[in-house]
Amino acid sequence: MATVELLFSALPEHVRTARLVAAAVARRAGVDEAVLDEVRLAVGEACTRAVGLHAGHGVTTPVRVVLIEDEKKFSIEVGDDAPHLSAADAAAGGPGEASGAPDEGEDDMGLAVISGLVDDVEVTADESGGLIRMSWPTIPAPVLP
């Protein structure tokens, strides 16, 4: 299992770099060429979301992108360190609502775009940060005689 980890300052100009790195590693891992645009777009959305959350909450730690090449799939994890509301806090209009964090509708829109691009996606979040896990199947390398 090969892994590439990318850490970048939560600045919008670094999202493009994360997209390019993700596409290059996905290609090398054996992700179908026809899917590489989806990989780029999904990583761009996830990283843009993380950058926005960091900026909105005043978080200074870097955004994390982990690219994992397994035998049959290629996975990308985009992590942020911004506090996320629990479902109970969100329903009650609890802490963090007036913190300048991205509008919940914007956050939902980014997640909807990612879900539309990626069949296998998992989003987790708590008060210490969030993680978006995405994966795509790989094409096995041909066996040479």
N, C-alpha and C. Protein backbone atom coordinates (compact mmCIF):
# COMPACT_ATOMS: atom_id res chain seq x y z
N MET A 1 0.84 -1.17 0.00
CA MET A 1 0.00 0.00 0.00
C MET A 1 0.89 1.24 0.00
N ALA A 2 0.79 2.02 -1.06
CA ALA A 2 1.56 3.26 -1.18
C ALA A 2 0.71 4.43 -0.68
N THR A 3 1.34 5.34 0.05
CA THR A 3 0.63 6.48 0.60
C THR A 3 1.43 7.75 0.33
N VAL A 4 0.71 8.79 -0.07
CA VAL A 4 1.29 10.12 -0.24
C VAL A 4 0.50 11.05 0.67
N GLU A 5 1.19 11.85 1.46
CA GLU A 5 0.52 12.80 2.34
C GLU A 5 0.93 14.21 1.96
N LEU A 6 -0.07 15.07 1.83
CA LEU A 6 0.14 16.45 1.45
C LEU A 6 -0.46 17.33 2.54
N LEU A 7 0.34 18.24 3.07
CA LEU A 7 -0.14 19.23 4.04
C LEU A 7 0.04 20.60 3.40
N PHE A 8 -1.01 21.44 3.46
CA PHE A 8 -0.86 22.77 2.90
C PHE A 8 -1.59 23.81 3.75
N SER A 9 -1.03 25.02 3.74
CA SER A 9 -1.65 26.13 4.45
C SER A 9 -3.04 26.35 3.87
N ALA A 10 -3.98 26.67 4.73
CA ALA A 10 -5.37 26.82 4.31
C ALA A 10 -5.57 28.10 3.51
N LEU A 11 -5.00 28.11 2.31
CA LEU A 11 -5.12 29.24 1.39
C LEU A 11 -5.69 28.73 0.08
N PRO A 12 -6.62 29.47 -0.53
CA PRO A 12 -7.26 29.01 -1.76
C PRO A 12 -6.28 28.68 -2.89
N GLU A 13 -5.17 29.41 -2.96
CA GLU A 13 -4.22 29.16 -4.05
C GLU A 13 -3.55 27.80 -3.97
N HIS A 14 -3.60 27.13 -2.83
CA HIS A 14 -2.99 25.81 -2.70
C HIS A 14 -3.92 24.67 -3.13
N VAL A 15 -5.19 24.97 -3.31
CA VAL A 15 -6.16 23.94 -3.71
C VAL A 15 -5.79 23.38 -5.09
N ARG A 16 -5.36 24.24 -5.99
CA ARG A 16 -4.98 23.79 -7.33
C ARG A 16 -3.84 22.77 -7.26
N THR A 17 -2.87 23.04 -6.41
CA THR A 17 -1.75 22.12 -6.26
C THR A 17 -2.24 20.76 -5.76
N ALA A 18 -3.14 20.77 -4.78
CA ALA A 18 -3.69 19.51 -4.26
C ALA A 18 -4.42 18.75 -5.36
N ARG A 19 -5.16 19.45 -6.20
CA ARG A 19 -5.86 18.81 -7.32
C ARG A 19 -4.88 18.15 -8.28
N LEU A 20 -3.81 18.86 -8.62
CA LEU A 20 -2.82 18.32 -9.56
C LEU A 20 -2.11 17.10 -8.99
N VAL A 21 -1.73 17.18 -7.72
CA VAL A 21 -1.06 16.04 -7.09
C VAL A 21 -2.00 14.84 -7.03
N ALA A 22 -3.26 15.07 -6.66
CA ALA A 22 -4.22 13.97 -6.57
C ALA A 22 -4.41 13.30 -7.93
N ALA A 23 -4.53 14.08 -8.99
CA ALA A 23 -4.71 13.51 -10.32
C ALA A 23 -3.49 12.71 -10.75
N ALA A 24 -2.30 13.22 -10.47
CA ALA A 24 -1.07 12.51 -10.86
C ALA A 24 -0.95 11.18 -10.12
N VAL A 25 -1.22 11.19 -8.82
CA VAL A 25 -1.10 9.95 -8.04
C VAL A 25 -2.21 8.98 -8.44
N ALA A 26 -3.41 9.48 -8.72
CA ALA A 26 -4.52 8.61 -9.14
C ALA A 26 -4.18 7.93 -10.46
N ARG A 27 -3.61 8.68 -11.39
CA ARG A 27 -3.22 8.11 -12.69
C ARG A 27 -2.20 7.00 -12.47
N ARG A 28 -1.21 7.26 -11.65
CA ARG A 28 -0.17 6.26 -11.38
C ARG A 28 -0.74 5.03 -10.67
N ALA A 29 -1.77 5.25 -9.85
CA ALA A 29 -2.38 4.15 -9.09
C ALA A 29 -3.24 3.25 -9.97
N GLY A 30 -3.61 3.73 -11.18
CA GLY A 30 -4.41 2.91 -12.07
C GLY A 30 -5.87 3.30 -12.15
N VAL A 31 -6.21 4.52 -11.71
CA VAL A 31 -7.59 4.99 -11.85
C VAL A 31 -7.83 5.24 -13.34
N ASP A 32 -8.97 4.84 -13.83
CA ASP A 32 -9.33 4.99 -15.24
C ASP A 32 -9.21 6.45 -15.67
N GLU A 33 -8.60 6.68 -16.83
CA GLU A 33 -8.39 8.04 -17.36
C GLU A 33 -9.70 8.82 -17.43
N ALA A 34 -10.80 8.14 -17.74
CA ALA A 34 -12.10 8.80 -17.88
C ALA A 34 -12.60 9.36 -16.54
N VAL A 35 -12.05 8.90 -15.44
CA VAL A 35 -12.50 9.30 -14.11
C VAL A 35 -11.60 10.38 -13.50
N LEU A 36 -10.46 10.65 -14.10
CA LEU A 36 -9.51 11.58 -13.50
C LEU A 36 -10.08 12.99 -13.32
N ASP A 37 -10.94 13.44 -14.23
CA ASP A 37 -11.56 14.76 -14.04
C ASP A 37 -12.44 14.77 -12.79
N GLU A 38 -13.14 13.66 -12.54
CA GLU A 38 -13.96 13.57 -11.34
C GLU A 38 -13.09 13.60 -10.09
N VAL A 39 -11.95 12.94 -10.13
CA VAL A 39 -11.01 12.96 -9.00
C VAL A 39 -10.56 14.40 -8.75
N ARG A 40 -10.15 15.09 -9.80
CA ARG A 40 -9.71 16.49 -9.66
C ARG A 40 -10.80 17.38 -9.07
N LEU A 41 -12.00 17.26 -9.62
CA LEU A 41 -13.10 18.10 -9.14
C LEU A 41 -13.47 17.79 -7.69
N ALA A 42 -13.54 16.50 -7.35
CA ALA A 42 -13.91 16.11 -5.98
C ALA A 42 -12.86 16.59 -4.97
N VAL A 43 -11.59 16.43 -5.31
CA VAL A 43 -10.52 16.90 -4.42
C VAL A 43 -10.57 18.42 -4.30
N GLY A 44 -10.82 19.10 -5.41
CA GLY A 44 -10.94 20.55 -5.36
C GLY A 44 -12.07 21.00 -4.45
N GLU A 45 -13.23 20.35 -4.55
CA GLU A 45 -14.37 20.70 -3.68
C GLU A 45 -14.04 20.42 -2.22
N ALA A 46 -13.46 19.25 -1.94
CA ALA A 46 -13.16 18.89 -0.55
C ALA A 46 -12.12 19.83 0.05
N CYS A 47 -11.09 20.17 -0.72
CA CYS A 47 -10.05 21.07 -0.23
C CYS A 47 -10.57 22.50 -0.06
N THR A 48 -11.39 22.95 -1.00
CA THR A 48 -11.98 24.28 -0.89
C THR A 48 -12.85 24.36 0.36
N ARG A 49 -13.60 23.31 0.63
CA ARG A 49 -14.43 23.26 1.84
C ARG A 49 -13.55 23.34 3.09
N ALA A 50 -12.47 22.56 3.11
CA ALA A 50 -11.58 22.57 4.27
C ALA A 50 -10.93 23.93 4.45
N VAL A 51 -10.49 24.57 3.37
CA VAL A 51 -9.89 25.90 3.44
C VAL A 51 -10.90 26.89 4.01
N GLY A 52 -12.14 26.83 3.52
CA GLY A 52 -13.18 27.72 4.03
C GLY A 52 -13.48 27.52 5.50
N LEU A 53 -13.52 26.26 5.92
CA LEU A 53 -13.76 25.98 7.34
C LEU A 53 -12.61 26.48 8.21
N HIS A 54 -11.38 26.28 7.76
CA HIS A 54 -10.23 26.78 8.52
C HIS A 54 -10.28 28.30 8.62
N ALA A 55 -10.53 28.97 7.50
CA ALA A 55 -10.58 30.44 7.50
C ALA A 55 -11.73 30.94 8.37
N GLY A 56 -12.89 30.32 8.26
CA GLY A 56 -14.06 30.76 9.01
C GLY A 56 -13.93 30.57 10.51
N HIS A 57 -13.15 29.61 10.92
CA HIS A 57 -12.97 29.33 12.35
C HIS A 57 -11.63 29.83 12.89
N GLY A 58 -10.84 30.46 12.05
CA GLY A 58 -9.54 30.97 12.49
C GLY A 58 -8.54 29.87 12.81
N VAL A 59 -8.66 28.73 12.17
CA VAL A 59 -7.76 27.60 12.40
C VAL A 59 -6.49 27.82 11.57
N THR A 60 -5.33 27.67 12.20
CA THR A 60 -4.06 27.92 11.50
C THR A 60 -3.30 26.65 11.12
N THR A 61 -3.80 25.51 11.52
CA THR A 61 -3.13 24.26 11.16
C THR A 61 -3.35 23.98 9.67
N PRO A 62 -2.48 23.17 9.06
CA PRO A 62 -2.64 22.90 7.63
C PRO A 62 -3.80 21.95 7.34
N VAL A 63 -4.28 22.03 6.11
CA VAL A 63 -5.25 21.07 5.59
C VAL A 63 -4.47 19.82 5.22
N ARG A 64 -5.04 18.64 5.49
CA ARG A 64 -4.37 17.37 5.22
C ARG A 64 -5.04 16.65 4.06
N VAL A 65 -4.22 16.18 3.14
CA VAL A 65 -4.72 15.35 2.05
C VAL A 65 -3.85 14.09 2.03
N VAL A 66 -4.49 12.94 2.16
CA VAL A 66 -3.78 11.66 2.15
C VAL A 66 -4.29 10.86 0.96
N LEU A 67 -3.35 10.42 0.13
CA LEU A 67 -3.66 9.66 -1.08
C LEU A 67 -3.17 8.23 -0.85
N ILE A 68 -4.07 7.27 -0.92
CA ILE A 68 -3.75 5.89 -0.57
C ILE A 68 -4.01 4.97 -1.75
N GLU A 69 -2.98 4.26 -2.18
CA GLU A 69 -3.09 3.32 -3.29
C GLU A 69 -3.13 1.91 -2.72
N ASP A 70 -4.29 1.27 -2.84
CA ASP A 70 -4.44 -0.12 -2.44
C ASP A 70 -4.45 -0.98 -3.70
N GLU A 71 -4.55 -2.28 -3.50
CA GLU A 71 -4.52 -3.20 -4.62
C GLU A 71 -5.70 -3.00 -5.58
N LYS A 72 -6.89 -2.74 -5.05
CA LYS A 72 -8.08 -2.65 -5.90
C LYS A 72 -8.76 -1.29 -5.89
N LYS A 73 -8.26 -0.35 -5.08
CA LYS A 73 -8.89 0.97 -5.05
C LYS A 73 -7.88 2.05 -4.71
N PHE A 74 -8.24 3.26 -5.05
CA PHE A 74 -7.45 4.44 -4.76
C PHE A 74 -8.31 5.33 -3.88
N SER A 75 -7.79 5.74 -2.73
CA SER A 75 -8.56 6.53 -1.78
C SER A 75 -7.89 7.87 -1.51
N ILE A 76 -8.72 8.86 -1.25
CA ILE A 76 -8.24 10.19 -0.88
C ILE A 76 -8.99 10.61 0.38
N GLU A 77 -8.23 11.09 1.35
CA GLU A 77 -8.82 11.62 2.58
C GLU A 77 -8.42 13.09 2.69
N VAL A 78 -9.41 13.96 2.85
CA VAL A 78 -9.16 15.39 3.06
C VAL A 78 -9.65 15.71 4.46
N GLY A 79 -8.71 16.18 5.30
CA GLY A 79 -9.05 16.45 6.69
C GLY A 79 -8.88 17.91 7.04
N ASP A 80 -9.75 18.37 7.92
CA ASP A 80 -9.66 19.73 8.45
C ASP A 80 -9.67 19.67 9.97
N ASP A 81 -9.23 20.74 10.59
CA ASP A 81 -9.20 20.81 12.06
C ASP A 81 -10.23 21.80 12.61
N ALA A 82 -11.20 22.18 11.80
CA ALA A 82 -12.23 23.12 12.23
C ALA A 82 -13.27 22.40 13.08
N PRO A 83 -13.74 23.05 14.14
CA PRO A 83 -14.78 22.42 14.95
C PRO A 83 -16.09 22.36 14.17
N HIS A 84 -16.75 21.22 14.21
CA HIS A 84 -18.04 21.04 13.55
C HIS A 84 -19.10 20.89 14.61
N LEU A 85 -20.27 21.45 14.34
CA LEU A 85 -21.39 21.33 15.27
C LEU A 85 -21.90 19.90 15.31
N SER A 86 -22.25 19.46 16.50
CA SER A 86 -22.94 18.17 16.58
C SER A 86 -24.35 18.39 16.05
N ALA A 87 -25.06 17.32 15.73
CA ALA A 87 -26.42 17.45 15.22
C ALA A 87 -27.31 18.16 16.24
N ALA A 88 -27.10 17.89 17.52
CA ALA A 88 -27.90 18.53 18.56
C ALA A 88 -27.62 20.03 18.62
N ASP A 89 -26.33 20.42 18.55
CA ASP A 89 -25.98 21.85 18.57
C ASP A 89 -26.54 22.56 17.35
N ALA A 90 -26.45 21.93 16.19
CA ALA A 90 -26.94 22.55 14.96
C ALA A 90 -28.44 22.78 15.04
N ALA A 91 -29.17 21.78 15.56
CA ALA A 91 -30.62 21.91 15.66
C ALA A 91 -31.01 22.99 16.66
N ALA A 92 -30.20 23.16 17.69
CA ALA A 92 -30.49 24.15 18.73
C ALA A 92 -29.89 25.51 18.41
N GLY A 93 -29.17 25.62 17.27
CA GLY A 93 -28.51 26.89 16.96
C GLY A 93 -27.40 27.16 17.94
N GLY A 94 -26.71 26.10 18.31
CA GLY A 94 -25.71 26.16 19.37
C GLY A 94 -24.41 26.82 19.00
N PRO A 95 -23.35 26.50 19.73
CA PRO A 95 -22.07 27.17 19.60
C PRO A 95 -21.55 27.14 18.17
N GLY A 96 -20.88 28.23 17.80
CA GLY A 96 -20.23 28.28 16.51
C GLY A 96 -21.08 28.90 15.43
N GLU A 97 -22.37 29.13 15.71
CA GLU A 97 -23.24 29.65 14.68
C GLU A 97 -22.83 31.04 14.23
N ALA A 98 -22.40 31.87 15.14
CA ALA A 98 -22.01 33.24 14.79
C ALA A 98 -20.50 33.39 14.66
N SER A 99 -19.80 32.30 14.42
CA SER A 99 -18.34 32.34 14.43
C SER A 99 -17.74 32.81 13.12
N GLY A 100 -18.54 33.11 12.13
CA GLY A 100 -17.99 33.50 10.84
C GLY A 100 -17.66 32.29 9.98
N ALA A 101 -18.07 31.13 10.41
CA ALA A 101 -17.83 29.91 9.65
C ALA A 101 -18.66 29.94 8.38
N PRO A 102 -18.28 29.16 7.39
CA PRO A 102 -19.04 29.14 6.15
C PRO A 102 -20.50 28.80 6.41
N ASP A 103 -21.36 29.40 5.62
CA ASP A 103 -22.79 29.17 5.69
C ASP A 103 -23.06 27.68 5.53
N GLU A 104 -23.97 27.16 6.34
CA GLU A 104 -24.29 25.73 6.28
C GLU A 104 -24.75 25.33 4.88
N GLY A 105 -25.46 26.22 4.18
CA GLY A 105 -25.91 25.92 2.82
C GLY A 105 -24.74 25.74 1.87
N GLU A 106 -23.69 26.58 2.01
CA GLU A 106 -22.49 26.44 1.18
C GLU A 106 -21.82 25.10 1.46
N ASP A 107 -21.74 24.75 2.73
CA ASP A 107 -21.12 23.48 3.11
C ASP A 107 -21.89 22.31 2.51
N ASP A 108 -23.22 22.36 2.62
CA ASP A 108 -24.05 21.30 2.07
C ASP A 108 -23.91 21.22 0.56
N MET A 109 -23.78 22.36 -0.10
CA MET A 109 -23.63 22.38 -1.56
C MET A 109 -22.34 21.68 -1.98
N GLY A 110 -21.24 21.99 -1.30
CA GLY A 110 -19.96 21.34 -1.60
C GLY A 110 -20.03 19.84 -1.40
N LEU A 111 -20.67 19.42 -0.32
CA LEU A 111 -20.82 17.98 -0.06
C LEU A 111 -21.71 17.32 -1.10
N ALA A 112 -22.73 18.04 -1.57
CA ALA A 112 -23.61 17.49 -2.61
C ALA A 112 -22.84 17.31 -3.91
N VAL A 113 -21.98 18.26 -4.25
CA VAL A 113 -21.17 18.14 -5.47
C VAL A 113 -20.26 16.93 -5.36
N ILE A 114 -19.61 16.77 -4.21
CA ILE A 114 -18.71 15.63 -4.00
C ILE A 114 -19.49 14.32 -4.12
N SER A 115 -20.65 14.25 -3.49
CA SER A 115 -21.47 13.03 -3.55
C SER A 115 -21.91 12.72 -4.97
N GLY A 116 -22.12 13.76 -5.78
CA GLY A 116 -22.49 13.54 -7.17
C GLY A 116 -21.33 13.04 -8.03
N LEU A 117 -20.12 13.36 -7.61
CA LEU A 117 -18.94 12.97 -8.38
C LEU A 117 -18.37 11.61 -7.97
N VAL A 118 -18.55 11.25 -6.70
CA VAL A 118 -17.88 10.07 -6.15
C VAL A 118 -18.93 9.08 -5.64
N ASP A 119 -18.85 7.84 -6.11
CA ASP A 119 -19.80 6.82 -5.65
C ASP A 119 -19.52 6.38 -4.22
N ASP A 120 -18.24 6.31 -3.86
CA ASP A 120 -17.85 5.83 -2.54
C ASP A 120 -17.28 6.99 -1.73
N VAL A 121 -18.14 7.65 -0.97
CA VAL A 121 -17.71 8.80 -0.17
C VAL A 121 -18.25 8.68 1.25
N GLU A 122 -17.45 9.09 2.21
CA GLU A 122 -17.83 9.05 3.62
C GLU A 122 -17.39 10.36 4.26
N VAL A 123 -18.30 11.01 4.97
CA VAL A 123 -18.00 12.28 5.63
C VAL A 123 -18.20 12.08 7.12
N THR A 124 -17.16 12.41 7.89
CA THR A 124 -17.27 12.36 9.35
C THR A 124 -16.79 13.70 9.92
N ALA A 125 -17.35 14.10 11.03
CA ALA A 125 -16.96 15.37 11.64
C ALA A 125 -17.36 15.37 13.11
N ASP A 126 -16.55 16.07 13.90
CA ASP A 126 -16.87 16.29 15.30
C ASP A 126 -16.25 17.62 15.73
N GLU A 127 -16.20 17.87 17.01
CA GLU A 127 -15.70 19.16 17.49
C GLU A 127 -14.20 19.36 17.25
N SER A 128 -13.47 18.30 16.89
CA SER A 128 -12.03 18.45 16.66
C SER A 128 -11.66 18.49 15.17
N GLY A 129 -12.64 18.33 14.28
CA GLY A 129 -12.34 18.41 12.86
C GLY A 129 -13.19 17.47 12.04
N GLY A 130 -12.95 17.50 10.75
CA GLY A 130 -13.73 16.68 9.84
C GLY A 130 -12.85 15.94 8.86
N LEU A 131 -13.42 14.93 8.23
CA LEU A 131 -12.69 14.11 7.27
C LEU A 131 -13.64 13.68 6.17
N ILE A 132 -13.20 13.86 4.94
CA ILE A 132 -13.94 13.36 3.78
C ILE A 132 -13.08 12.27 3.17
N ARG A 133 -13.63 11.04 3.10
CA ARG A 133 -12.94 9.90 2.49
C ARG A 133 -13.63 9.56 1.19
N MET A 134 -12.85 9.51 0.12
CA MET A 134 -13.39 9.20 -1.20
C MET A 134 -12.54 8.07 -1.79
N SER A 135 -13.16 7.19 -2.56
CA SER A 135 -12.36 6.16 -3.21
C SER A 135 -12.93 5.79 -4.56
N TRP A 136 -12.03 5.33 -5.42
CA TRP A 136 -12.34 4.94 -6.78
C TRP A 136 -11.67 3.59 -7.05
N PRO A 137 -12.29 2.75 -7.88
CA PRO A 137 -11.65 1.49 -8.24
C PRO A 137 -10.45 1.74 -9.16
N THR A 138 -9.50 0.84 -9.12
CA THR A 138 -8.34 0.94 -10.01
C THR A 138 -8.42 -0.19 -11.03
N ILE A 139 -7.75 0.04 -12.12
CA ILE A 139 -7.67 -0.97 -13.18
C ILE A 139 -6.40 -1.77 -12.94
N PRO A 140 -6.53 -3.09 -12.78
CA PRO A 140 -5.32 -3.88 -12.54
C PRO A 140 -4.33 -3.75 -13.69
N ALA A 141 -3.07 -3.70 -13.35
CA ALA A 141 -2.02 -3.64 -14.38
C ALA A 141 -2.03 -4.95 -15.15
N PRO A 142 -1.85 -4.88 -16.46
CA PRO A 142 -1.83 -6.12 -17.25
C PRO A 142 -0.65 -7.00 -16.86
N VAL A 143 -0.91 -8.29 -16.87
CA VAL A 143 0.14 -9.26 -16.55
C VAL A 143 0.91 -9.55 -17.85
N LEU A 144 2.18 -9.30 -17.81
CA LEU A 144 3.02 -9.54 -18.99
C LEU A 144 3.56 -10.96 -18.96
N PRO A 145 3.59 -11.64 -20.13
CA PRO A 145 4.08 -13.03 -20.16
C PRO A 145 5.56 -13.12 -19.91
